C-alpha atoms as a PDB file:
ATOM      1  CA  MET A   1       0.000   0.000   0.000  1.00  0.00           C
ATOM      2  CA  PRO A   2       1.424   3.446  -0.883  1.00  0.00           C
ATOM      3  CA  LYS A   3       2.488   5.566   2.079  1.00  0.00           C
ATOM      4  CA  SER A   4      -0.117   8.294   1.384  1.00  0.00           C
ATOM      5  CA  GLN A   5      -2.921   5.732   1.240  1.00  0.00           C
ATOM      6  CA  LEU A   6      -1.649   4.104   4.445  1.00  0.00           C
ATOM      7  CA  LEU A   7      -1.806   7.464   6.241  1.00  0.00           C
ATOM      8  CA  ILE A   8      -5.391   7.969   5.075  1.00  0.00           C
ATOM      9  CA  ALA A   9      -6.352   4.477   6.207  1.00  0.00           C
ATOM     10  CA  ASN A  10      -4.864   5.104   9.640  1.00  0.00           C
ATOM     11  CA  ALA A  11      -6.747   8.407   9.921  1.00  0.00           C
ATOM     12  CA  SER A  12     -10.046   6.820   8.919  1.00  0.00           C
ATOM     13  CA  PRO A  13     -10.764   3.357   7.509  1.00  0.00           C
ATOM     14  CA  ALA A  14     -13.512   4.916   5.371  1.00  0.00           C
ATOM     15  CA  LEU A  15     -10.984   5.898   2.694  1.00  0.00           C
ATOM     16  CA  ALA A  16      -8.706   2.876   2.957  1.00  0.00           C
ATOM     17  CA  ASP A  17     -10.138   1.594  -0.335  1.00  0.00           C
ATOM     18  CA  GLU A  18     -10.680   4.790  -2.316  1.00  0.00           C
ATOM     19  CA  LYS A  19     -11.993   2.938  -5.358  1.00  0.00           C
ATOM     20  CA  ASN A  20     -14.824   1.007  -3.658  1.00  0.00           C
ATOM     21  CA  THR A  21     -15.584   3.134  -0.604  1.00  0.00           C
ATOM     22  CA  GLN A  22     -19.082   4.503   0.030  1.00  0.00           C
ATOM     23  CA  TRP A  23     -17.591   7.721   1.414  1.00  0.00           C
ATOM     24  CA  ASN A  24     -16.596  10.857  -0.484  1.00  0.00           C
ATOM     25  CA  PHE A  25     -14.708  12.333   2.476  1.00  0.00           C
ATOM     26  CA  CYS A  26     -12.914  11.257   5.623  1.00  0.00           C
ATOM     27  CA  PRO A  27     -15.584  10.958   8.389  1.00  0.00           C
ATOM     28  CA  SER A  28     -14.776  11.107  12.080  1.00  0.00           C
ATOM     29  CA  VAL A  29     -15.417   7.794  13.805  1.00  0.00           C
ATOM     30  CA  GLY A  30     -14.888   9.495  17.186  1.00  0.00           C
ATOM     31  CA  ALA A  31     -17.740  11.955  16.579  1.00  0.00           C
ATOM     32  CA  ALA A  32     -19.964   9.085  15.482  1.00  0.00           C
ATOM     33  CA  TYR A  33     -19.213   7.182  18.700  1.00  0.00           C
ATOM     34  CA  LEU A  34     -19.906  10.307  20.788  1.00  0.00           C
ATOM     35  CA  PHE A  35     -23.324  10.925  19.236  1.00  0.00           C
ATOM     36  CA  ALA A  36     -24.225   7.236  19.367  1.00  0.00           C
ATOM     37  CA  ILE A  37     -23.554   7.283  23.124  1.00  0.00           C
ATOM     38  CA  LEU A  38     -25.420  10.563  23.697  1.00  0.00           C
ATOM     39  CA  PHE A  39     -28.477   9.399  21.756  1.00  0.00           C
ATOM     40  CA  ALA A  40     -28.360   6.041  23.563  1.00  0.00           C
ATOM     41  CA  LEU A  41     -28.374   7.834  26.931  1.00  0.00           C
ATOM     42  CA  THR A  42     -31.416   9.952  26.072  1.00  0.00           C
ATOM     43  CA  THR A  43     -33.136   6.822  24.706  1.00  0.00           C
ATOM     44  CA  CYS A  44     -32.605   5.013  28.010  1.00  0.00           C
ATOM     45  CA  GLY A  45     -33.883   8.082  29.836  1.00  0.00           C
ATOM     46  CA  HIS A  46     -37.086   8.151  27.793  1.00  0.00           C
ATOM     47  CA  VAL A  47     -37.688   4.434  28.310  1.00  0.00           C
ATOM     48  CA  ALA A  48     -37.297   4.855  32.081  1.00  0.00           C
ATOM     49  CA  GLN A  49     -39.534   7.940  32.161  1.00  0.00           C
ATOM     50  CA  ALA A  50     -42.249   6.249  30.097  1.00  0.00           C
ATOM     51  CA  ILE A  51     -42.304   3.419  32.640  1.00  0.00           C
ATOM     52  CA  ILE A  52     -42.157   5.685  35.695  1.00  0.00           C
ATOM     53  CA  HIS A  53     -44.898   8.022  34.482  1.00  0.00           C
ATOM     54  CA  ARG A  54     -46.873   5.217  32.775  1.00  0.00           C
ATOM     55  CA  LYS A  55     -47.342   7.146  29.552  1.00  0.00           C
ATOM     56  CA  GLY A  56     -47.866   4.748  26.699  1.00  0.00           C
ATOM     57  CA  TYR A  57     -47.742   7.460  24.054  1.00  0.00           C
ATOM     58  CA  SER A  58     -44.094   8.093  24.947  1.00  0.00           C
ATOM     59  CA  TRP A  59     -43.186   5.131  22.729  1.00  0.00           C
ATOM     60  CA  VAL A  60     -43.092   7.693  19.895  1.00  0.00           C
ATOM     61  CA  ILE A  61     -40.246   9.728  21.397  1.00  0.00           C
ATOM     62  CA  ILE A  62     -38.483   6.479  22.333  1.00  0.00           C
ATOM     63  CA  VAL A  63     -38.595   5.391  18.683  1.00  0.00           C
ATOM     64  CA  SER A  64     -37.234   8.782  17.627  1.00  0.00           C
ATOM     65  CA  ALA A  65     -34.317   8.539  20.048  1.00  0.00           C
ATOM     66  CA  LEU A  66     -33.679   4.896  19.132  1.00  0.00           C
ATOM     67  CA  LEU A  67     -33.602   5.699  15.406  1.00  0.00           C
ATOM     68  CA  GLN A  68     -31.110   8.485  16.066  1.00  0.00           C
ATOM     69  CA  THR A  69     -28.976   6.041  18.045  1.00  0.00           C
ATOM     70  CA  MET A  70     -29.153   3.446  15.270  1.00  0.00           C
ATOM     71  CA  THR A  71     -28.195   6.138  12.760  1.00  0.00           C
ATOM     72  CA  TYR A  72     -24.810   6.487  14.405  1.00  0.00           C
ATOM     73  CA  VAL A  73     -24.403   2.782  15.066  1.00  0.00           C
ATOM     74  CA  PHE A  74     -24.790   2.169  11.331  1.00  0.00           C
ATOM     75  CA  ARG A  75     -22.537   5.147  10.595  1.00  0.00           C
ATOM     76  CA  ILE A  76     -19.792   3.596  12.743  1.00  0.00           C
ATOM     77  CA  VAL A  77     -20.257   0.257  10.986  1.00  0.00           C
ATOM     78  CA  SER A  78     -20.126   2.000   7.610  1.00  0.00           C
ATOM     79  CA  ILE A  79     -16.917   3.888   8.491  1.00  0.00           C
ATOM     80  CA  ASN A  80     -15.270   0.624   9.534  1.00  0.00           C
ATOM     81  CA  ASN A  81     -16.685  -1.259   6.531  1.00  0.00           C
ATOM     82  CA  PRO A  82     -16.510   1.402   3.829  1.00  0.00           C
ATOM     83  CA  THR A  83     -17.102  -0.903   0.867  1.00  0.00           C
ATOM     84  CA  SER A  84     -20.374  -2.269   2.241  1.00  0.00           C
ATOM     85  CA  SER A  85     -23.418  -0.394   0.937  1.00  0.00           C
ATOM     86  CA  ALA A  86     -26.002  -1.736   3.432  1.00  0.00           C
ATOM     87  CA  PRO A  87     -24.851   0.185   6.564  1.00  0.00           C
ATOM     88  CA  ALA A  88     -24.258   3.327   4.480  1.00  0.00           C
ATOM     89  CA  ILE A  89     -27.791   3.200   3.093  1.00  0.00           C
ATOM     90  CA  ALA A  90     -29.201   2.445   6.581  1.00  0.00           C
ATOM     91  CA  TRP A  91     -27.634   5.446   8.345  1.00  0.00           C
ATOM     92  CA  PHE A  92     -28.430   7.746   5.419  1.00  0.00           C
ATOM     93  CA  ILE A  93     -32.144   6.878   5.487  1.00  0.00           C
ATOM     94  CA  LEU A  94     -32.434   6.863   9.297  1.00  0.00           C
ATOM     95  CA  ILE A  95     -30.872  10.296   9.792  1.00  0.00           C
ATOM     96  CA  LEU A  96     -33.339  11.763   7.311  1.00  0.00           C
ATOM     97  CA  ILE A  97     -36.520  10.282   8.812  1.00  0.00           C
ATOM     98  CA  ALA A  98     -35.827  10.012  12.566  1.00  0.00           C
ATOM     99  CA  PRO A  99     -36.768  13.649  13.391  1.00  0.00           C
ATOM    100  CA  LEU A 100     -40.301  13.071  12.084  1.00  0.00           C
ATOM    101  CA  TRP A 101     -40.979  10.961  15.163  1.00  0.00           C
ATOM    102  CA  THR A 102     -40.000  13.844  17.436  1.00  0.00           C
ATOM    103  CA  ASN A 103     -42.333  16.024  15.389  1.00  0.00           C
ATOM    104  CA  ALA A 104     -45.168  13.512  15.867  1.00  0.00           C
ATOM    105  CA  TYR A 105     -44.511  13.466  19.609  1.00  0.00           C
ATOM    106  CA  VAL A 106     -44.921  17.256  19.743  1.00  0.00           C
ATOM    107  CA  TYR A 107     -48.343  16.868  18.113  1.00  0.00           C
ATOM    108  CA  MET A 108     -49.338  14.129  20.562  1.00  0.00           C
ATOM    109  CA  VAL A 109     -48.260  16.154  23.593  1.00  0.00           C
ATOM    110  CA  MET A 110     -50.133  19.213  22.348  1.00  0.00           C
ATOM    111  CA  GLY A 111     -53.360  17.255  21.978  1.00  0.00           C
ATOM    112  CA  ARG A 112     -53.072  16.083  25.561  1.00  0.00           C
ATOM    113  CA  MET A 113     -52.380  19.624  26.715  1.00  0.00           C
ATOM    114  CA  VAL A 114     -55.601  20.735  25.045  1.00  0.00           C
ATOM    115  CA  TYR A 115     -57.409  17.943  26.893  1.00  0.00           C
ATOM    116  CA  ASN A 116     -55.860  18.746  30.259  1.00  0.00           C
ATOM    117  CA  PHE A 117     -55.694  22.537  30.248  1.00  0.00           C
ATOM    118  CA  THR A 118     -58.960  23.596  28.588  1.00  0.00           C
ATOM    119  CA  THR A 119     -62.470  23.216  29.987  1.00  0.00           C
ATOM    120  CA  THR A 120     -63.907  22.141  26.645  1.00  0.00           C
ATOM    121  CA  ALA A 121     -61.100  19.798  25.551  1.00  0.00           C
ATOM    122  CA  THR A 122     -61.181  21.520  22.171  1.00  0.00           C
ATOM    123  CA  LEU A 123     -58.991  23.870  20.167  1.00  0.00           C
ATOM    124  CA  ALA A 124     -60.442  25.827  17.236  1.00  0.00           C
ATOM    125  CA  GLY A 125     -63.499  23.583  17.443  1.00  0.00           C
ATOM    126  CA  ILE A 126     -61.435  20.399  17.172  1.00  0.00           C
ATOM    127  CA  LYS A 127     -61.590  17.799  19.941  1.00  0.00           C
ATOM    128  CA  ALA A 128     -58.234  17.158  21.617  1.00  0.00           C
ATOM    129  CA  TRP A 129     -57.963  13.536  20.460  1.00  0.00           C
ATOM    130  CA  ARG A 130     -58.910  14.459  16.903  1.00  0.00           C
ATOM    131  CA  PHE A 131     -56.404  17.313  16.955  1.00  0.00           C
ATOM    132  CA  THR A 132     -53.646  14.795  17.689  1.00  0.00           C
ATOM    133  CA  LEU A 133     -54.981  12.328  15.123  1.00  0.00           C
ATOM    134  CA  TYR A 134     -55.156  14.877  12.306  1.00  0.00           C
ATOM    135  CA  PHE A 135     -51.646  16.199  12.805  1.00  0.00           C
ATOM    136  CA  VAL A 136     -50.110  12.750  13.262  1.00  0.00           C
ATOM    137  CA  LEU A 137     -51.751  11.673   9.995  1.00  0.00           C
ATOM    138  CA  LEU A 138     -50.268  14.728   8.284  1.00  0.00           C
ATOM    139  CA  ASP A 139     -46.887  13.829   9.777  1.00  0.00           C
ATOM    140  CA  ILE A 140     -47.242  10.318   8.353  1.00  0.00           C
ATOM    141  CA  VAL A 141     -47.853  11.799   4.888  1.00  0.00           C
ATOM    142  CA  ALA A 142     -44.606  13.794   5.197  1.00  0.00           C
ATOM    143  CA  PHE A 143     -42.883  10.688   6.605  1.00  0.00           C
ATOM    144  CA  LEU A 144     -43.864   8.503   3.644  1.00  0.00           C
ATOM    145  CA  ALA A 145     -42.712  11.135   1.152  1.00  0.00           C
ATOM    146  CA  GLN A 146     -39.360  11.474   2.908  1.00  0.00           C
ATOM    147  CA  VAL A 147     -38.848   7.722   3.174  1.00  0.00           C
ATOM    148  CA  ALA A 148     -39.602   7.310  -0.530  1.00  0.00           C
ATOM    149  CA  GLY A 149     -37.188  10.080  -1.464  1.00  0.00           C
ATOM    150  CA  ALA A 150     -34.401   8.974   0.866  1.00  0.00           C
ATOM    151  CA  ALA A 151     -34.662   5.317  -0.196  1.00  0.00           C
ATOM    152  CA  SER A 152     -34.586   6.297  -3.861  1.00  0.00           C
ATOM    153  CA  ALA A 153     -31.515   8.499  -3.429  1.00  0.00           C
ATOM    154  CA  ALA A 154     -29.518   6.168  -1.146  1.00  0.00           C
ATOM    155  CA  GLY A 155     -26.361   4.398  -2.286  1.00  0.00           C
ATOM    156  CA  ASN A 156     -23.311   5.418  -4.301  1.00  0.00           C
ATOM    157  CA  ASP A 157     -24.203   3.050  -7.137  1.00  0.00           C
ATOM    158  CA  THR A 158     -27.642   4.584  -7.703  1.00  0.00           C
ATOM    159  CA  PRO A 159     -28.100   6.189 -11.159  1.00  0.00           C
ATOM    160  CA  ARG A 160     -27.741   9.958 -11.148  1.00  0.00           C
ATOM    161  CA  ASP A 161     -31.253  10.668 -12.445  1.00  0.00           C
ATOM    162  CA  GLN A 162     -32.776   8.409  -9.788  1.00  0.00           C
ATOM    163  CA  VAL A 163     -30.780  10.127  -7.038  1.00  0.00           C
ATOM    164  CA  LEU A 164     -31.903  13.530  -8.284  1.00  0.00           C
ATOM    165  CA  ARG A 165     -35.526  12.406  -8.387  1.00  0.00           C
ATOM    166  CA  GLY A 166     -35.211  10.995  -4.876  1.00  0.00           C
ATOM    167  CA  VAL A 167     -33.725  14.272  -3.596  1.00  0.00           C
ATOM    168  CA  HIS A 168     -36.624  16.228  -5.088  1.00  0.00           C
ATOM    169  CA  ILE A 169     -39.172  13.875  -3.493  1.00  0.00           C
ATOM    170  CA  TYR A 170     -37.407  14.174  -0.150  1.00  0.00           C
ATOM    171  CA  MET A 171     -37.315  17.982  -0.371  1.00  0.00           C
ATOM    172  CA  GLY A 172     -41.041  17.946  -1.129  1.00  0.00           C
ATOM    173  CA  GLY A 173     -41.556  15.795   1.968  1.00  0.00           C
ATOM    174  CA  ILE A 174     -39.699  18.131   4.307  1.00  0.00           C
ATOM    175  CA  GLY A 175     -41.464  21.082   2.688  1.00  0.00           C
ATOM    176  CA  LEU A 176     -44.778  19.453   3.595  1.00  0.00           C
ATOM    177  CA  GLN A 177     -43.502  18.806   7.111  1.00  0.00           C
ATOM    178  CA  GLN A 178     -42.647  22.493   7.557  1.00  0.00           C
ATOM    179  CA  ALA A 179     -46.023  23.584   6.166  1.00  0.00           C
ATOM    180  CA  PHE A 180     -47.800  21.367   8.701  1.00  0.00           C
ATOM    181  CA  ILE A 181     -45.617  22.808  11.483  1.00  0.00           C
ATOM    182  CA  LEU A 182     -46.676  26.346  10.539  1.00  0.00           C
ATOM    183  CA  VAL A 183     -50.373  25.393  10.671  1.00  0.00           C
ATOM    184  CA  PHE A 184     -49.757  23.716  14.013  1.00  0.00           C
ATOM    185  CA  LEU A 185     -47.984  26.807  15.377  1.00  0.00           C
ATOM    186  CA  PHE A 186     -50.956  28.981  14.440  1.00  0.00           C
ATOM    187  CA  LEU A 187     -53.210  26.759  16.563  1.00  0.00           C
ATOM    188  CA  ALA A 188     -50.618  26.495  19.345  1.00  0.00           C
ATOM    189  CA  VAL A 189     -50.522  30.299  19.635  1.00  0.00           C
ATOM    190  CA  LYS A 190     -54.318  30.288  19.901  1.00  0.00           C
ATOM    191  CA  PHE A 191     -54.044  27.782  22.750  1.00  0.00           C
ATOM    192  CA  HIS A 192     -51.261  29.875  24.311  1.00  0.00           C
ATOM    193  CA  ARG A 193     -53.436  33.005  24.314  1.00  0.00           C
ATOM    194  CA  GLY A 194     -56.212  31.047  25.996  1.00  0.00           C
ATOM    195  CA  LEU A 195     -53.847  30.004  28.780  1.00  0.00           C
ATOM    196  CA  LEU A 196     -52.735  33.585  29.328  1.00  0.00           C
ATOM    197  CA  ARG A 197     -56.360  34.669  29.840  1.00  0.00           C
ATOM    198  CA  GLU A 198     -56.774  32.219  32.715  1.00  0.00           C
ATOM    199  CA  THR A 199     -55.932  32.885  36.357  1.00  0.00           C
ATOM    200  CA  TYR A 200     -52.202  32.355  36.778  1.00  0.00           C
ATOM    201  CA  THR A 201     -51.580  29.291  38.955  1.00  0.00           C
ATOM    202  CA  SER A 202     -48.796  26.747  39.376  1.00  0.00           C
ATOM    203  CA  ARG A 203     -50.697  24.479  36.985  1.00  0.00           C
ATOM    204  CA  THR A 204     -50.846  27.233  34.372  1.00  0.00           C
ATOM    205  CA  ARG A 205     -47.138  27.882  34.863  1.00  0.00           C
ATOM    206  CA  GLN A 206     -46.377  24.215  34.201  1.00  0.00           C
ATOM    207  CA  ALA A 207     -48.537  24.260  31.068  1.00  0.00           C
ATOM    208  CA  LEU A 208     -46.762  27.352  29.742  1.00  0.00           C
ATOM    209  CA  ARG A 209     -43.380  25.776  30.465  1.00  0.00           C
ATOM    210  CA  LEU A 210     -44.253  22.609  28.551  1.00  0.00           C
ATOM    211  CA  LEU A 211     -45.681  24.689  25.715  1.00  0.00           C
ATOM    212  CA  SER A 212     -42.367  26.564  25.555  1.00  0.00           C
ATOM    213  CA  VAL A 213     -40.585  23.222  25.187  1.00  0.00           C
ATOM    214  CA  LEU A 214     -42.859  22.387  22.255  1.00  0.00           C
ATOM    215  CA  TYR A 215     -42.019  25.725  20.633  1.00  0.00           C
ATOM    216  CA  VAL A 216     -38.281  25.137  21.069  1.00  0.00           C
ATOM    217  CA  ALA A 217     -38.539  21.580  19.732  1.00  0.00           C
ATOM    218  CA  LEU A 218     -40.332  22.831  16.619  1.00  0.00           C
ATOM    219  CA  LEU A 219     -37.750  25.607  16.205  1.00  0.00           C
ATOM    220  CA  LEU A 220     -34.972  22.997  16.312  1.00  0.00           C
ATOM    221  CA  ILE A 221     -36.827  20.849  13.787  1.00  0.00           C
ATOM    222  CA  THR A 222     -37.252  23.911  11.558  1.00  0.00           C
ATOM    223  CA  VAL A 223     -33.505  24.648  11.752  1.00  0.00           C
ATOM    224  CA  ARG A 224     -32.882  21.105  10.648  1.00  0.00           C
ATOM    225  CA  ILE A 225     -35.407  21.363   7.791  1.00  0.00           C
ATOM    226  CA  ILE A 226     -33.861  24.621   6.526  1.00  0.00           C
ATOM    227  CA  PHE A 227     -30.427  22.969   6.634  1.00  0.00           C
ATOM    228  CA  ARG A 228     -31.638  20.018   4.559  1.00  0.00           C
ATOM    229  CA  LEU A 229     -33.322  22.318   2.022  1.00  0.00           C
ATOM    230  CA  VAL A 230     -30.121  24.341   1.668  1.00  0.00           C
ATOM    231  CA  GLU A 231     -28.035  21.174   1.490  1.00  0.00           C
ATOM    232  CA  TYR A 232     -29.962  19.783  -1.462  1.00  0.00           C
ATOM    233  CA  SER A 233     -30.836  23.077  -3.147  1.00  0.00           C
ATOM    234  CA  ASP A 234     -27.980  22.476  -5.618  1.00  0.00           C
ATOM    235  CA  GLY A 235     -29.134  18.921  -6.266  1.00  0.00           C
ATOM    236  CA  ILE A 236     -26.625  16.112  -5.895  1.00  0.00           C
ATOM    237  CA  ASP A 237     -23.641  18.344  -6.688  1.00  0.00           C
ATOM    238  CA  SER A 238     -23.787  20.135  -3.348  1.00  0.00           C
ATOM    239  CA  SER A 239     -20.542  20.142  -1.397  1.00  0.00           C
ATOM    240  CA  ILE A 240     -22.299  20.392   1.985  1.00  0.00           C
ATOM    241  CA  PRO A 241     -22.628  16.586   2.482  1.00  0.00           C
ATOM    242  CA  ASN A 242     -18.838  16.337   2.231  1.00  0.00           C
ATOM    243  CA  HIS A 243     -18.411  18.447   5.387  1.00  0.00           C
ATOM    244  CA  GLU A 244     -19.886  16.472   8.277  1.00  0.00           C
ATOM    245  CA  ALA A 245     -19.555  19.388  10.694  1.00  0.00           C
ATOM    246  CA  TYR A 246     -22.654  20.903   9.093  1.00  0.00           C
ATOM    247  CA  GLN A 247     -24.625  17.730   9.678  1.00  0.00           C
ATOM    248  CA  TYR A 248     -23.634  17.585  13.334  1.00  0.00           C
ATOM    249  CA  CYS A 249     -24.328  21.278  13.973  1.00  0.00           C
ATOM    250  CA  PHE A 250     -27.589  21.695  12.070  1.00  0.00           C
ATOM    251  CA  ASP A 251     -29.132  18.219  12.202  1.00  0.00           C
ATOM    252  CA  SER A 252     -27.942  15.848  14.889  1.00  0.00           C
ATOM    253  CA  LEU A 253     -27.216  18.412  17.608  1.00  0.00           C
ATOM    254  CA  PRO A 254     -30.628  20.156  17.333  1.00  0.00           C
ATOM    255  CA  MET A 255     -32.386  16.781  17.432  1.00  0.00           C
ATOM    256  CA  LEU A 256     -30.330  15.724  20.456  1.00  0.00           C
ATOM    257  CA  ILE A 257     -31.244  18.959  22.263  1.00  0.00           C
ATOM    258  CA  ALA A 258     -34.944  18.385  21.492  1.00  0.00           C
ATOM    259  CA  LEU A 259     -34.804  14.865  22.923  1.00  0.00           C
ATOM    260  CA  VAL A 260     -32.984  16.024  26.061  1.00  0.00           C
ATOM    261  CA  LEU A 261     -35.499  18.839  26.578  1.00  0.00           C
ATOM    262  CA  PHE A 262     -38.267  16.232  26.724  1.00  0.00           C
ATOM    263  CA  ASN A 263     -36.171  14.319  29.259  1.00  0.00           C
ATOM    264  CA  ILE A 264     -35.925  17.423  31.427  1.00  0.00           C
ATOM    265  CA  TYR A 265     -39.541  18.531  30.988  1.00  0.00           C
ATOM    266  CA  HIS A 266     -41.231  15.200  30.497  1.00  0.00           C
ATOM    267  CA  PRO A 267     -44.958  15.552  29.696  1.00  0.00           C
ATOM    268  CA  GLY A 268     -45.737  12.710  32.108  1.00  0.00           C
ATOM    269  CA  ARG A 269     -44.439  14.806  34.985  1.00  0.00           C
ATOM    270  CA  ILE A 270     -46.570  17.813  34.035  1.00  0.00           C
ATOM    271  CA  MET A 271     -49.649  15.768  33.069  1.00  0.00           C
ATOM    272  CA  PRO A 272     -49.456  12.868  35.532  1.00  0.00           C
ATOM    273  CA  GLY A 273     -51.854  10.052  36.251  1.00  0.00           C
ATOM    274  CA  LYS A 274     -54.299   8.008  34.243  1.00  0.00           C
ATOM    275  CA  GLU A 275     -56.900  10.785  34.379  1.00  0.00           C
ATOM    276  CA  SER A 276     -54.672  12.973  32.196  1.00  0.00           C
ATOM    277  CA  ASP A 277     -54.752  10.444  29.346  1.00  0.00           C
ATOM    278  CA  PHE A 278     -57.299  10.471  26.559  1.00  0.00           C
ATOM    279  CA  PRO A 279     -60.362   8.367  27.373  1.00  0.00           C
ATOM    280  CA  SER A 280     -60.982   5.507  24.984  1.00  0.00           C
ATOM    281  CA  ARG A 281     -63.440   5.966  22.146  1.00  0.00           C
ATOM    282  CA  LYS A 282     -65.841   3.596  23.872  1.00  0.00           C
ATOM    283  CA  GLU A 283     -65.572   5.544  27.129  1.00  0.00           C
ATOM    284  CA  ARG A 284     -66.171   8.876  25.388  1.00  0.00           C
ATOM    285  CA  LYS A 285     -69.290   7.573  23.703  1.00  0.00           C
ATOM    286  CA  ARG A 286     -70.622   5.926  26.861  1.00  0.00           C
ATOM    287  CA  LEU A 287     -70.219   9.016  29.048  1.00  0.00           C
ATOM    288  CA  ALA A 288     -71.654  11.330  26.397  1.00  0.00           C
ATOM    289  CA  ASN A 289     -74.751   9.122  26.101  1.00  0.00           C
ATOM    290  CA  ARG A 290     -75.066   8.856  29.884  1.00  0.00           C
ATOM    291  CA  SER A 291     -74.985  12.657  30.224  1.00  0.00           C
ATOM    292  CA  LEU A 292     -77.883  12.934  27.780  1.00  0.00           C
ATOM    293  CA  GLU A 293     -79.871  10.213  29.519  1.00  0.00           C
ATOM    294  CA  ASN A 294     -79.494  11.976  32.864  1.00  0.00           C
ATOM    295  CA  GLY A 295     -80.501  15.350  31.408  1.00  0.00           C
ATOM    296  CA  ILE A 296     -77.216  17.021  32.249  1.00  0.00           C
ATOM    297  CA  ALA A 297     -77.330  20.489  30.727  1.00  0.00           C
ATOM    298  CA  LEU A 298     -74.093  21.398  29.057  1.00  0.00           C
ATOM    299  CA  SER A 299     -73.395  24.836  27.730  1.00  0.00           C
ATOM    300  CA  ALA A 300     -72.310  25.170  24.130  1.00  0.00           C
ATOM    301  CA  GLY A 301     -68.945  23.534  23.496  1.00  0.00           C
ATOM    302  CA  GLU A 302     -68.563  21.946  26.931  1.00  0.00           C
ATOM    303  CA  ASP A 303     -67.350  18.385  27.062  1.00  0.00           C
ATOM    304  CA  PRO A 304     -69.175  15.913  29.355  1.00  0.00           C
ATOM    305  CA  LEU A 305     -65.820  14.316  30.196  1.00  0.00           C
ATOM    306  CA  LYS A 306     -64.520  17.636  31.518  1.00  0.00           C
ATOM    307  CA  ASN A 307     -67.601  18.850  33.324  1.00  0.00           C
ATOM    308  CA  GLY A 308     -68.546  16.257  35.855  1.00  0.00           C
ATOM    309  CA  ALA A 309     -70.729  13.918  33.814  1.00  0.00           C
ATOM    310  CA  GLN A 310     -70.753  11.154  36.357  1.00  0.00           C
ATOM    311  CA  GLU A 311     -72.468   7.839  36.291  1.00  0.00           C
ATOM    312  CA  PRO A 312     -75.596   7.702  38.500  1.00  0.00           C
ATOM    313  CA  LYS A 313     -75.408   5.654  41.658  1.00  0.00           C
ATOM    314  CA  ASP A 314     -77.032   2.253  41.555  1.00  0.00           C
ATOM    315  CA  ARG A 315     -80.529   2.333  42.891  1.00  0.00           C
ATOM    316  CA  GLU A 316     -81.518  -0.066  45.569  1.00  0.00           C
END
């Protein structure tokens, strides 16, 4: 092996075989190990918190953190096995789609905030559980578009026209994601203004704090989306992917901060107990019917689940 090639191989195994490698630059295996460990730690934290607070919906943020961890596990494998396309394709796809799960978690938390911190359990005329459902479905649409684009563009052996088409599909997917975030923010501000009109209590303070975390998480996701749009704005000839510092600063680090913020201000701590969870569809229907049968008068917009629609006591 020539001396220059030996020096490159010692610096990073990714370029040891320059002819067959999946890498166009010399990636840092140390940085990959660091982020794999950091994402693994926040993943473990979210698993423990989901169990402690008994919040089943937290599986979404656990998946997000786990996918971020696996991104860097596959990146490490790819650096050490630079001629293998499978780990390179795996980390490339995972890093592009993992943040969507954090985005979905924001939508799920917001729906539960509407349920817990409003008397009507509605926002802009939309029931809390439907609010979550609608935005998660929109997130899935963006997710599918991004998966399709990323999968189509992955791999060094992929034809140029297919890669370009995949990049355009992916950019359309993240554009949709950002559009949905803007609609969500409009409704979140409406909810925020409603909170500010209420009497300020410790419960209101907690709600405003969690809402601030949602805002910051969406800001971090937006930073990441803008980065990806800029990265691929020149198509596949962009030089940005060849400088991994950009990826760490504007993608992985913001997503790590968002995950850690939810560790620090876990929704299960601010909305504790089973009573803070959405009632099942069957339960909602049963209590609504029972309130009508008992002649409970509800003012316009009030929810029987939030206004003391109790089951009658058994008669002797």
